[in-house]
Amino acid sequence: MPFLTGPVLAPGALSSTAQPTLPTGDGLLLRPWRAEDAPAVHAAFQDPVMQQWHARAADSVDEVGGWIEEWREVWAQEKTAQWAVVDADTGLLLGRVALREINLVDGQAEMAYWTTAGARGRGVAARATVVLSRWAFDDIGFHRLELMHAVRNEASCRVATKTGFVLEGTKRSAVLHPDGWHDMHLHARVRGD
């Protein structure tokens, strides 16, 4: 039985070109991950705030090196796209921004981000999210981007709201964190917002 609509994005919408480097125009750069980022990512994951809101721990630099290799490989699979967020002048790692759960047929993905302890309070997550959203909508043609965070993660909620992701509701007991099940806020932007 044929479908009445075609895919929003064709296979290859991402993988047909190299993963781009995206400047924010205000001192940040979103770039593909490099093997030499492993020590900085490992250090970021030792922060108790990171451990509070993430289900993954980083036990060693070698383990993180495996993550980075995976993050680099998934571009070709078009299921996840990950960027390092760095200071454009110094190259210092400030965070990560990503499109996860990519669904090309529906033109949808989930926005995700984190920042290092030293980068918090400087608008890094918001600036990176704005640039990646613009690229996803305008350059690639995504229709909808979702963003979820634990209801108790007020900083992440501020980023979502500041970057135009409208709060659509609460997913009850939706994600298991080390301290138990968390209700999650669901925010979204659609093309044209």
N, C-alpha and C. Protein backbone atom coordinates (compact mmCIF):
# COMPACT_ATOMS: atom_id res chain seq x y z
N MET A 1 0.86 -1.17 0.00
CA MET A 1 0.00 0.00 0.00
C MET A 1 0.91 1.24 0.00
N PRO A 2 0.73 2.14 -0.94
CA PRO A 2 1.60 3.31 -1.01
C PRO A 2 1.24 4.35 0.05
N PHE A 3 2.26 5.12 0.43
CA PHE A 3 2.04 6.25 1.34
C PHE A 3 1.46 7.41 0.53
N LEU A 4 0.66 8.24 1.17
CA LEU A 4 0.07 9.40 0.50
C LEU A 4 0.97 10.62 0.55
N THR A 5 2.03 10.55 1.38
CA THR A 5 3.00 11.64 1.45
C THR A 5 4.40 11.06 1.34
N GLY A 6 5.29 11.86 0.85
CA GLY A 6 6.68 11.45 0.75
C GLY A 6 7.47 11.87 1.97
N PRO A 7 8.71 11.43 2.06
CA PRO A 7 9.54 11.83 3.20
C PRO A 7 9.82 13.33 3.16
N VAL A 8 9.89 13.93 4.34
CA VAL A 8 10.23 15.35 4.43
C VAL A 8 11.67 15.56 3.99
N LEU A 9 12.56 14.67 4.44
CA LEU A 9 13.98 14.75 4.07
C LEU A 9 14.40 13.42 3.46
N ALA A 10 15.09 13.47 2.36
CA ALA A 10 15.54 12.26 1.69
C ALA A 10 16.79 11.70 2.38
N PRO A 11 16.99 10.40 2.30
CA PRO A 11 18.25 9.85 2.79
C PRO A 11 19.42 10.58 2.13
N GLY A 12 20.43 10.87 2.92
CA GLY A 12 21.57 11.63 2.41
C GLY A 12 21.47 13.12 2.69
N ALA A 13 20.35 13.55 3.28
CA ALA A 13 20.18 14.98 3.58
C ALA A 13 21.33 15.49 4.44
N LEU A 14 21.86 14.64 5.30
CA LEU A 14 23.01 15.00 6.13
C LEU A 14 24.29 14.38 5.57
N SER A 15 24.27 13.09 5.35
CA SER A 15 25.50 12.35 5.08
C SER A 15 26.09 12.57 3.69
N SER A 16 25.36 13.21 2.80
CA SER A 16 25.89 13.43 1.45
C SER A 16 27.02 14.46 1.43
N THR A 17 27.19 15.19 2.54
CA THR A 17 28.29 16.15 2.65
C THR A 17 29.00 15.94 3.98
N ALA A 18 30.16 16.51 4.11
CA ALA A 18 30.89 16.44 5.38
C ALA A 18 30.14 17.24 6.43
N GLN A 19 30.25 16.82 7.68
CA GLN A 19 29.61 17.56 8.76
C GLN A 19 30.19 18.97 8.80
N PRO A 20 29.34 19.99 8.79
CA PRO A 20 29.85 21.36 8.71
C PRO A 20 30.33 21.90 10.05
N THR A 21 31.15 22.91 9.96
CA THR A 21 31.51 23.74 11.11
C THR A 21 30.61 24.97 11.03
N LEU A 22 29.97 25.31 12.16
CA LEU A 22 28.98 26.39 12.18
C LEU A 22 29.41 27.48 13.15
N PRO A 23 29.82 28.64 12.66
CA PRO A 23 30.15 29.74 13.57
C PRO A 23 28.88 30.42 14.08
N THR A 24 28.92 30.88 15.32
CA THR A 24 27.76 31.59 15.86
C THR A 24 27.82 33.08 15.52
N GLY A 25 28.99 33.57 15.15
CA GLY A 25 29.14 34.99 14.86
C GLY A 25 29.38 35.83 16.10
N ASP A 26 29.41 35.18 17.27
CA ASP A 26 29.65 35.93 18.50
C ASP A 26 30.64 35.23 19.42
N GLY A 27 31.62 34.56 18.80
CA GLY A 27 32.71 34.00 19.58
C GLY A 27 32.69 32.50 19.81
N LEU A 28 31.66 31.81 19.32
CA LEU A 28 31.59 30.36 19.46
C LEU A 28 31.68 29.70 18.10
N LEU A 29 32.09 28.45 18.13
CA LEU A 29 32.17 27.65 16.92
C LEU A 29 31.61 26.27 17.23
N LEU A 30 30.70 25.79 16.40
CA LEU A 30 30.21 24.42 16.49
C LEU A 30 31.00 23.64 15.45
N ARG A 31 31.77 22.64 15.90
CA ARG A 31 32.61 21.89 14.97
C ARG A 31 32.49 20.40 15.25
N PRO A 32 32.81 19.57 14.26
CA PRO A 32 32.81 18.13 14.51
C PRO A 32 33.80 17.78 15.62
N TRP A 33 33.50 16.70 16.33
CA TRP A 33 34.36 16.25 17.42
C TRP A 33 35.69 15.74 16.89
N ARG A 34 36.73 15.89 17.71
CA ARG A 34 38.08 15.40 17.39
C ARG A 34 38.54 14.48 18.51
N ALA A 35 39.41 13.54 18.18
CA ALA A 35 39.93 12.61 19.18
C ALA A 35 40.57 13.34 20.34
N GLU A 36 41.23 14.46 20.06
CA GLU A 36 41.92 15.20 21.12
C GLU A 36 40.97 15.93 22.08
N ASP A 37 39.66 15.87 21.83
CA ASP A 37 38.68 16.44 22.75
C ASP A 37 38.41 15.54 23.96
N ALA A 38 38.87 14.29 23.90
CA ALA A 38 38.52 13.31 24.94
C ALA A 38 38.88 13.77 26.36
N PRO A 39 40.07 14.30 26.63
CA PRO A 39 40.35 14.71 28.02
C PRO A 39 39.40 15.80 28.52
N ALA A 40 39.04 16.75 27.66
CA ALA A 40 38.15 17.83 28.08
C ALA A 40 36.73 17.31 28.33
N VAL A 41 36.27 16.37 27.51
CA VAL A 41 34.94 15.79 27.73
C VAL A 41 34.94 14.97 29.02
N HIS A 42 35.99 14.20 29.23
CA HIS A 42 36.10 13.42 30.47
C HIS A 42 36.04 14.35 31.68
N ALA A 43 36.78 15.44 31.64
CA ALA A 43 36.77 16.40 32.75
C ALA A 43 35.38 16.99 32.95
N ALA A 44 34.68 17.31 31.86
CA ALA A 44 33.34 17.88 31.97
C ALA A 44 32.39 16.92 32.67
N PHE A 45 32.54 15.62 32.41
CA PHE A 45 31.63 14.64 33.00
C PHE A 45 31.96 14.31 34.45
N GLN A 46 33.02 14.88 35.00
CA GLN A 46 33.31 14.69 36.43
C GLN A 46 32.53 15.68 37.28
N ASP A 47 31.95 16.69 36.65
CA ASP A 47 31.18 17.73 37.33
C ASP A 47 29.88 17.15 37.90
N PRO A 48 29.59 17.37 39.18
CA PRO A 48 28.35 16.85 39.78
C PRO A 48 27.08 17.32 39.07
N VAL A 49 27.08 18.51 38.51
CA VAL A 49 25.89 19.00 37.79
C VAL A 49 25.65 18.14 36.55
N MET A 50 26.71 17.80 35.83
CA MET A 50 26.57 16.92 34.66
C MET A 50 26.02 15.57 35.10
N GLN A 51 26.53 15.05 36.20
CA GLN A 51 26.10 13.74 36.68
C GLN A 51 24.64 13.77 37.14
N GLN A 52 24.18 14.93 37.61
CA GLN A 52 22.80 15.05 38.06
C GLN A 52 21.81 14.91 36.91
N TRP A 53 22.13 15.47 35.74
CA TRP A 53 21.17 15.54 34.65
C TRP A 53 21.45 14.57 33.51
N HIS A 54 22.47 13.75 33.64
CA HIS A 54 22.80 12.79 32.58
C HIS A 54 22.81 11.38 33.14
N ALA A 55 22.47 10.43 32.32
CA ALA A 55 22.43 9.04 32.74
C ALA A 55 23.76 8.33 32.49
N ARG A 56 24.71 9.03 31.88
CA ARG A 56 25.97 8.42 31.50
C ARG A 56 27.10 9.02 32.33
N ALA A 57 28.04 8.15 32.74
CA ALA A 57 29.23 8.60 33.45
C ALA A 57 30.45 8.33 32.56
N ALA A 58 31.52 9.05 32.81
CA ALA A 58 32.76 8.88 32.06
C ALA A 58 33.83 8.39 33.02
N ASP A 59 34.17 7.12 32.92
CA ASP A 59 35.15 6.55 33.84
C ASP A 59 36.60 6.80 33.43
N SER A 60 36.85 7.01 32.14
CA SER A 60 38.23 7.20 31.69
C SER A 60 38.26 8.01 30.41
N VAL A 61 39.42 8.57 30.13
CA VAL A 61 39.62 9.31 28.88
C VAL A 61 39.49 8.35 27.70
N ASP A 62 39.98 7.12 27.85
CA ASP A 62 39.85 6.13 26.76
C ASP A 62 38.39 5.84 26.45
N GLU A 63 37.56 5.71 27.49
CA GLU A 63 36.13 5.49 27.27
C GLU A 63 35.53 6.64 26.48
N VAL A 64 35.86 7.87 26.85
CA VAL A 64 35.34 9.04 26.15
C VAL A 64 35.85 9.07 24.71
N GLY A 65 37.07 8.61 24.51
CA GLY A 65 37.59 8.51 23.14
C GLY A 65 36.70 7.63 22.28
N GLY A 66 36.17 6.56 22.85
CA GLY A 66 35.22 5.71 22.14
C GLY A 66 33.92 6.43 21.83
N TRP A 67 33.44 7.23 22.78
CA TRP A 67 32.24 8.03 22.52
C TRP A 67 32.46 8.95 21.33
N ILE A 68 33.61 9.63 21.35
CA ILE A 68 33.89 10.60 20.28
C ILE A 68 33.97 9.91 18.94
N GLU A 69 34.58 8.74 18.89
CA GLU A 69 34.62 8.00 17.63
C GLU A 69 33.21 7.66 17.17
N GLU A 70 32.36 7.26 18.11
CA GLU A 70 30.96 6.98 17.80
C GLU A 70 30.24 8.25 17.32
N TRP A 71 30.47 9.37 18.01
CA TRP A 71 29.83 10.63 17.61
C TRP A 71 30.24 11.02 16.20
N ARG A 72 31.47 10.74 15.83
CA ARG A 72 31.94 11.07 14.48
C ARG A 72 31.31 10.15 13.44
N GLU A 73 31.11 8.88 13.79
CA GLU A 73 30.58 7.90 12.85
C GLU A 73 29.08 8.06 12.59
N VAL A 74 28.32 8.51 13.58
CA VAL A 74 26.87 8.56 13.42
C VAL A 74 26.39 9.57 12.39
N TRP A 75 27.26 10.50 12.03
CA TRP A 75 26.89 11.45 10.97
C TRP A 75 26.47 10.69 9.71
N ALA A 76 27.24 9.68 9.33
CA ALA A 76 26.95 8.91 8.12
C ALA A 76 25.66 8.12 8.24
N GLN A 77 25.28 7.76 9.46
CA GLN A 77 24.06 6.97 9.69
C GLN A 77 22.80 7.84 9.75
N GLU A 78 22.98 9.14 9.91
CA GLU A 78 21.87 10.10 9.94
C GLU A 78 20.85 9.80 11.05
N LYS A 79 21.36 9.32 12.18
CA LYS A 79 20.49 9.08 13.34
C LYS A 79 20.76 10.10 14.44
N THR A 80 21.97 10.59 14.49
CA THR A 80 22.40 11.58 15.48
C THR A 80 23.47 12.44 14.83
N ALA A 81 23.50 13.71 15.19
CA ALA A 81 24.54 14.61 14.70
C ALA A 81 25.03 15.43 15.89
N GLN A 82 26.31 15.30 16.21
CA GLN A 82 26.90 15.90 17.41
C GLN A 82 27.97 16.92 17.04
N TRP A 83 27.97 18.03 17.76
CA TRP A 83 28.99 19.05 17.57
C TRP A 83 29.65 19.41 18.90
N ALA A 84 30.94 19.66 18.86
CA ALA A 84 31.63 20.28 19.99
C ALA A 84 31.38 21.77 19.89
N VAL A 85 31.12 22.42 21.02
CA VAL A 85 30.97 23.88 21.06
C VAL A 85 32.25 24.41 21.70
N VAL A 86 32.98 25.21 20.93
CA VAL A 86 34.28 25.69 21.39
C VAL A 86 34.37 27.20 21.26
N ASP A 87 35.30 27.77 22.03
CA ASP A 87 35.62 29.19 21.89
C ASP A 87 36.29 29.36 20.52
N ALA A 88 35.79 30.26 19.71
CA ALA A 88 36.29 30.42 18.35
C ALA A 88 37.75 30.87 18.32
N ASP A 89 38.20 31.59 19.33
CA ASP A 89 39.58 32.09 19.34
C ASP A 89 40.56 31.10 19.93
N THR A 90 40.18 30.45 21.02
CA THR A 90 41.13 29.59 21.73
C THR A 90 40.95 28.10 21.46
N GLY A 91 39.78 27.71 20.97
CA GLY A 91 39.49 26.30 20.76
C GLY A 91 39.08 25.57 22.03
N LEU A 92 38.97 26.28 23.15
CA LEU A 92 38.60 25.67 24.43
C LEU A 92 37.20 25.07 24.34
N LEU A 93 37.06 23.81 24.77
CA LEU A 93 35.76 23.15 24.76
C LEU A 93 34.85 23.79 25.81
N LEU A 94 33.66 24.21 25.37
CA LEU A 94 32.68 24.84 26.24
C LEU A 94 31.42 24.00 26.39
N GLY A 95 31.20 23.06 25.48
CA GLY A 95 30.00 22.24 25.57
C GLY A 95 29.78 21.39 24.36
N ARG A 96 28.55 20.92 24.26
CA ARG A 96 28.13 20.06 23.16
C ARG A 96 26.71 20.42 22.78
N VAL A 97 26.40 20.33 21.49
CA VAL A 97 25.04 20.51 21.00
C VAL A 97 24.81 19.42 19.96
N ALA A 98 23.58 18.91 19.92
CA ALA A 98 23.33 17.76 19.06
C ALA A 98 21.90 17.71 18.58
N LEU A 99 21.73 17.01 17.49
CA LEU A 99 20.42 16.58 17.02
C LEU A 99 20.38 15.07 17.24
N ARG A 100 19.46 14.60 18.07
CA ARG A 100 19.34 13.18 18.37
C ARG A 100 18.01 12.67 17.82
N GLU A 101 17.89 11.35 17.80
CA GLU A 101 16.63 10.73 17.38
C GLU A 101 16.16 11.30 16.04
N ILE A 102 17.08 11.47 15.10
CA ILE A 102 16.75 12.05 13.80
C ILE A 102 15.81 11.10 13.04
N ASN A 103 14.74 11.67 12.54
CA ASN A 103 13.76 10.95 11.73
C ASN A 103 13.60 11.73 10.43
N LEU A 104 14.30 11.29 9.39
CA LEU A 104 14.27 12.02 8.12
C LEU A 104 12.89 11.96 7.47
N VAL A 105 12.19 10.84 7.58
CA VAL A 105 10.88 10.70 6.95
C VAL A 105 9.93 11.79 7.44
N ASP A 106 9.93 12.03 8.76
CA ASP A 106 9.05 13.05 9.33
C ASP A 106 9.71 14.42 9.45
N GLY A 107 11.01 14.50 9.15
CA GLY A 107 11.71 15.78 9.25
C GLY A 107 11.82 16.27 10.68
N GLN A 108 12.08 15.35 11.61
CA GLN A 108 12.11 15.70 13.03
C GLN A 108 13.41 15.25 13.68
N ALA A 109 13.76 15.92 14.76
CA ALA A 109 14.92 15.53 15.58
C ALA A 109 14.74 16.14 16.97
N GLU A 110 15.54 15.62 17.90
CA GLU A 110 15.54 16.15 19.26
C GLU A 110 16.83 16.94 19.49
N MET A 111 16.71 18.16 19.96
CA MET A 111 17.84 19.01 20.29
C MET A 111 18.36 18.62 21.67
N ALA A 112 19.68 18.57 21.81
CA ALA A 112 20.29 18.27 23.10
C ALA A 112 21.54 19.13 23.26
N TYR A 113 21.89 19.43 24.52
CA TYR A 113 23.07 20.25 24.78
C TYR A 113 23.56 20.04 26.19
N TRP A 114 24.82 20.35 26.41
CA TRP A 114 25.39 20.48 27.75
C TRP A 114 26.53 21.48 27.67
N THR A 115 26.88 22.04 28.81
CA THR A 115 28.01 22.96 28.87
C THR A 115 28.94 22.55 30.00
N THR A 116 30.20 22.92 29.84
CA THR A 116 31.17 22.68 30.90
C THR A 116 30.87 23.62 32.06
N ALA A 117 31.38 23.27 33.24
CA ALA A 117 31.13 24.09 34.43
C ALA A 117 31.59 25.53 34.22
N GLY A 118 32.75 25.72 33.60
CA GLY A 118 33.29 27.06 33.39
C GLY A 118 32.54 27.89 32.37
N ALA A 119 31.72 27.24 31.54
CA ALA A 119 30.98 27.96 30.49
C ALA A 119 29.57 28.33 30.91
N ARG A 120 29.11 27.83 32.04
CA ARG A 120 27.73 28.09 32.44
C ARG A 120 27.50 29.56 32.79
N GLY A 121 26.30 30.02 32.48
CA GLY A 121 25.94 31.41 32.77
C GLY A 121 26.41 32.40 31.73
N ARG A 122 26.97 31.91 30.63
CA ARG A 122 27.50 32.79 29.57
C ARG A 122 26.69 32.70 28.28
N GLY A 123 25.57 31.99 28.32
CA GLY A 123 24.73 31.88 27.13
C GLY A 123 25.24 30.91 26.08
N VAL A 124 26.17 30.05 26.44
CA VAL A 124 26.77 29.14 25.47
C VAL A 124 25.73 28.18 24.90
N ALA A 125 24.96 27.53 25.76
CA ALA A 125 23.96 26.56 25.28
C ALA A 125 22.93 27.25 24.40
N ALA A 126 22.47 28.41 24.81
CA ALA A 126 21.45 29.12 24.03
C ALA A 126 22.00 29.55 22.67
N ARG A 127 23.19 30.10 22.64
CA ARG A 127 23.78 30.55 21.37
C ARG A 127 24.01 29.39 20.42
N ALA A 128 24.50 28.27 20.95
CA ALA A 128 24.73 27.09 20.11
C ALA A 128 23.41 26.51 19.61
N THR A 129 22.39 26.50 20.47
CA THR A 129 21.08 25.97 20.09
C THR A 129 20.44 26.81 18.99
N VAL A 130 20.56 28.12 19.07
CA VAL A 130 20.00 28.99 18.03
C VAL A 130 20.66 28.71 16.68
N VAL A 131 21.97 28.60 16.67
CA VAL A 131 22.68 28.38 15.40
C VAL A 131 22.36 27.00 14.82
N LEU A 132 22.35 25.98 15.67
CA LEU A 132 22.05 24.64 15.15
C LEU A 132 20.60 24.55 14.68
N SER A 133 19.68 25.18 15.38
CA SER A 133 18.28 25.19 14.95
C SER A 133 18.14 25.87 13.60
N ARG A 134 18.78 27.01 13.45
CA ARG A 134 18.72 27.75 12.17
C ARG A 134 19.24 26.88 11.03
N TRP A 135 20.38 26.22 11.26
CA TRP A 135 20.97 25.36 10.24
C TRP A 135 20.01 24.20 9.91
N ALA A 136 19.44 23.56 10.95
CA ALA A 136 18.56 22.41 10.74
C ALA A 136 17.31 22.80 9.94
N PHE A 137 16.72 23.94 10.26
CA PHE A 137 15.52 24.38 9.55
C PHE A 137 15.84 24.95 8.17
N ASP A 138 16.77 25.89 8.12
CA ASP A 138 16.99 26.65 6.88
C ASP A 138 17.88 25.93 5.87
N ASP A 139 18.93 25.28 6.34
CA ASP A 139 19.87 24.66 5.40
C ASP A 139 19.50 23.22 5.06
N ILE A 140 18.96 22.49 6.03
CA ILE A 140 18.65 21.08 5.80
C ILE A 140 17.18 20.87 5.48
N GLY A 141 16.28 21.61 6.13
CA GLY A 141 14.85 21.49 5.84
C GLY A 141 14.05 20.69 6.85
N PHE A 142 14.56 20.53 8.08
CA PHE A 142 13.77 19.87 9.11
C PHE A 142 12.46 20.62 9.32
N HIS A 143 11.43 19.88 9.71
CA HIS A 143 10.12 20.49 9.98
C HIS A 143 9.91 20.78 11.46
N ARG A 144 10.41 19.90 12.35
CA ARG A 144 10.15 20.03 13.79
C ARG A 144 11.37 19.61 14.58
N LEU A 145 11.71 20.41 15.59
CA LEU A 145 12.77 20.06 16.54
C LEU A 145 12.16 20.05 17.93
N GLU A 146 12.40 18.98 18.65
CA GLU A 146 11.93 18.87 20.02
C GLU A 146 13.10 19.02 20.98
N LEU A 147 12.80 19.38 22.21
CA LEU A 147 13.82 19.54 23.24
C LEU A 147 13.18 19.08 24.55
N MET A 148 13.82 18.13 25.22
CA MET A 148 13.30 17.65 26.50
C MET A 148 14.34 17.86 27.59
N HIS A 149 13.85 18.16 28.78
CA HIS A 149 14.73 18.27 29.94
C HIS A 149 13.93 17.91 31.19
N ALA A 150 14.64 17.48 32.22
CA ALA A 150 13.98 17.18 33.49
C ALA A 150 13.28 18.44 33.99
N VAL A 151 12.08 18.28 34.50
CA VAL A 151 11.30 19.42 34.99
C VAL A 151 12.10 20.21 36.02
N ARG A 152 12.88 19.52 36.84
CA ARG A 152 13.64 20.21 37.88
C ARG A 152 14.90 20.92 37.34
N ASN A 153 15.24 20.71 36.09
CA ASN A 153 16.42 21.35 35.51
C ASN A 153 16.03 22.73 34.98
N GLU A 154 15.98 23.69 35.89
CA GLU A 154 15.51 25.03 35.54
C GLU A 154 16.42 25.74 34.54
N ALA A 155 17.71 25.50 34.63
CA ALA A 155 18.65 26.15 33.69
C ALA A 155 18.36 25.70 32.27
N SER A 156 18.10 24.41 32.08
CA SER A 156 17.79 23.91 30.75
C SER A 156 16.46 24.45 30.25
N CYS A 157 15.52 24.63 31.15
CA CYS A 157 14.23 25.20 30.76
C CYS A 157 14.40 26.64 30.28
N ARG A 158 15.29 27.39 30.95
CA ARG A 158 15.56 28.77 30.52
C ARG A 158 16.15 28.79 29.12
N VAL A 159 17.07 27.87 28.84
CA VAL A 159 17.67 27.80 27.49
C VAL A 159 16.59 27.51 26.46
N ALA A 160 15.74 26.53 26.74
CA ALA A 160 14.69 26.16 25.79
C ALA A 160 13.78 27.35 25.49
N THR A 161 13.33 28.02 26.53
CA THR A 161 12.42 29.16 26.36
C THR A 161 13.11 30.31 25.64
N LYS A 162 14.33 30.61 26.03
CA LYS A 162 15.08 31.71 25.42
C LYS A 162 15.32 31.50 23.93
N THR A 163 15.41 30.23 23.50
CA THR A 163 15.72 29.94 22.11
C THR A 163 14.49 29.63 21.26
N GLY A 164 13.31 29.92 21.81
CA GLY A 164 12.08 29.81 21.02
C GLY A 164 11.43 28.45 21.02
N PHE A 165 11.88 27.54 21.89
CA PHE A 165 11.24 26.23 21.99
C PHE A 165 10.04 26.36 22.94
N VAL A 166 8.86 26.22 22.40
CA VAL A 166 7.62 26.41 23.13
C VAL A 166 7.35 25.18 24.02
N LEU A 167 6.99 25.43 25.26
CA LEU A 167 6.64 24.34 26.16
C LEU A 167 5.31 23.74 25.71
N GLU A 168 5.33 22.44 25.39
CA GLU A 168 4.12 21.77 24.92
C GLU A 168 3.47 20.90 25.99
N GLY A 169 4.23 20.53 27.01
CA GLY A 169 3.65 19.71 28.05
C GLY A 169 4.70 19.00 28.87
N THR A 170 4.21 18.12 29.73
CA THR A 170 5.08 17.35 30.62
C THR A 170 4.88 15.87 30.36
N LYS A 171 5.98 15.18 30.13
CA LYS A 171 5.95 13.73 29.99
C LYS A 171 6.24 13.16 31.37
N ARG A 172 5.24 12.54 31.97
CA ARG A 172 5.35 12.06 33.34
C ARG A 172 6.25 10.83 33.42
N SER A 173 7.14 10.85 34.42
CA SER A 173 8.00 9.71 34.72
C SER A 173 8.62 9.13 33.45
N ALA A 174 9.24 9.99 32.66
CA ALA A 174 9.65 9.62 31.30
C ALA A 174 11.10 9.18 31.16
N VAL A 175 12.00 9.65 32.03
CA VAL A 175 13.42 9.34 31.88
C VAL A 175 14.00 8.94 33.23
N LEU A 176 14.75 7.86 33.22
CA LEU A 176 15.38 7.37 34.44
C LEU A 176 16.76 8.00 34.60
N HIS A 177 16.94 8.73 35.69
CA HIS A 177 18.23 9.31 36.07
C HIS A 177 18.77 8.51 37.24
N PRO A 178 20.02 8.74 37.64
CA PRO A 178 20.57 7.99 38.78
C PRO A 178 19.74 8.12 40.07
N ASP A 179 19.02 9.23 40.23
CA ASP A 179 18.23 9.41 41.44
C ASP A 179 16.77 9.00 41.28
N GLY A 180 16.42 8.39 40.16
CA GLY A 180 15.05 7.91 39.96
C GLY A 180 14.43 8.46 38.69
N TRP A 181 13.14 8.20 38.56
CA TRP A 181 12.40 8.64 37.37
C TRP A 181 12.10 10.13 37.43
N HIS A 182 12.27 10.80 36.29
CA HIS A 182 12.03 12.24 36.20
C HIS A 182 10.90 12.54 35.23
N ASP A 183 10.04 13.48 35.64
CA ASP A 183 9.11 14.08 34.69
C ASP A 183 9.93 14.97 33.77
N MET A 184 9.54 15.02 32.50
CA MET A 184 10.30 15.79 31.51
C MET A 184 9.41 16.83 30.85
N HIS A 185 9.93 18.05 30.73
CA HIS A 185 9.25 19.05 29.92
C HIS A 185 9.54 18.77 28.46
N LEU A 186 8.53 18.88 27.64
CA LEU A 186 8.68 18.75 26.19
C LEU A 186 8.46 20.12 25.57
N HIS A 187 9.51 20.64 24.94
CA HIS A 187 9.45 21.90 24.19
C HIS A 187 9.61 21.57 22.71
N ALA A 188 9.16 22.45 21.83
CA ALA A 188 9.37 22.22 20.40
C ALA A 188 9.37 23.53 19.63
N ARG A 189 10.04 23.48 18.51
CA ARG A 189 9.97 24.53 17.49
C ARG A 189 9.60 23.85 16.18
N VAL A 190 8.81 24.52 15.39
CA VAL A 190 8.51 24.02 14.05
C VAL A 190 8.97 25.05 13.04
N ARG A 191 9.24 24.56 11.86
CA ARG A 191 9.71 25.44 10.76
C ARG A 191 8.74 26.61 10.62
N GLY A 192 9.27 27.80 10.60
CA GLY A 192 8.45 28.99 10.47
C GLY A 192 8.17 29.70 11.79
N ASP A 193 8.47 29.06 12.92
CA ASP A 193 8.29 29.73 14.22
C ASP A 193 9.17 30.97 14.29
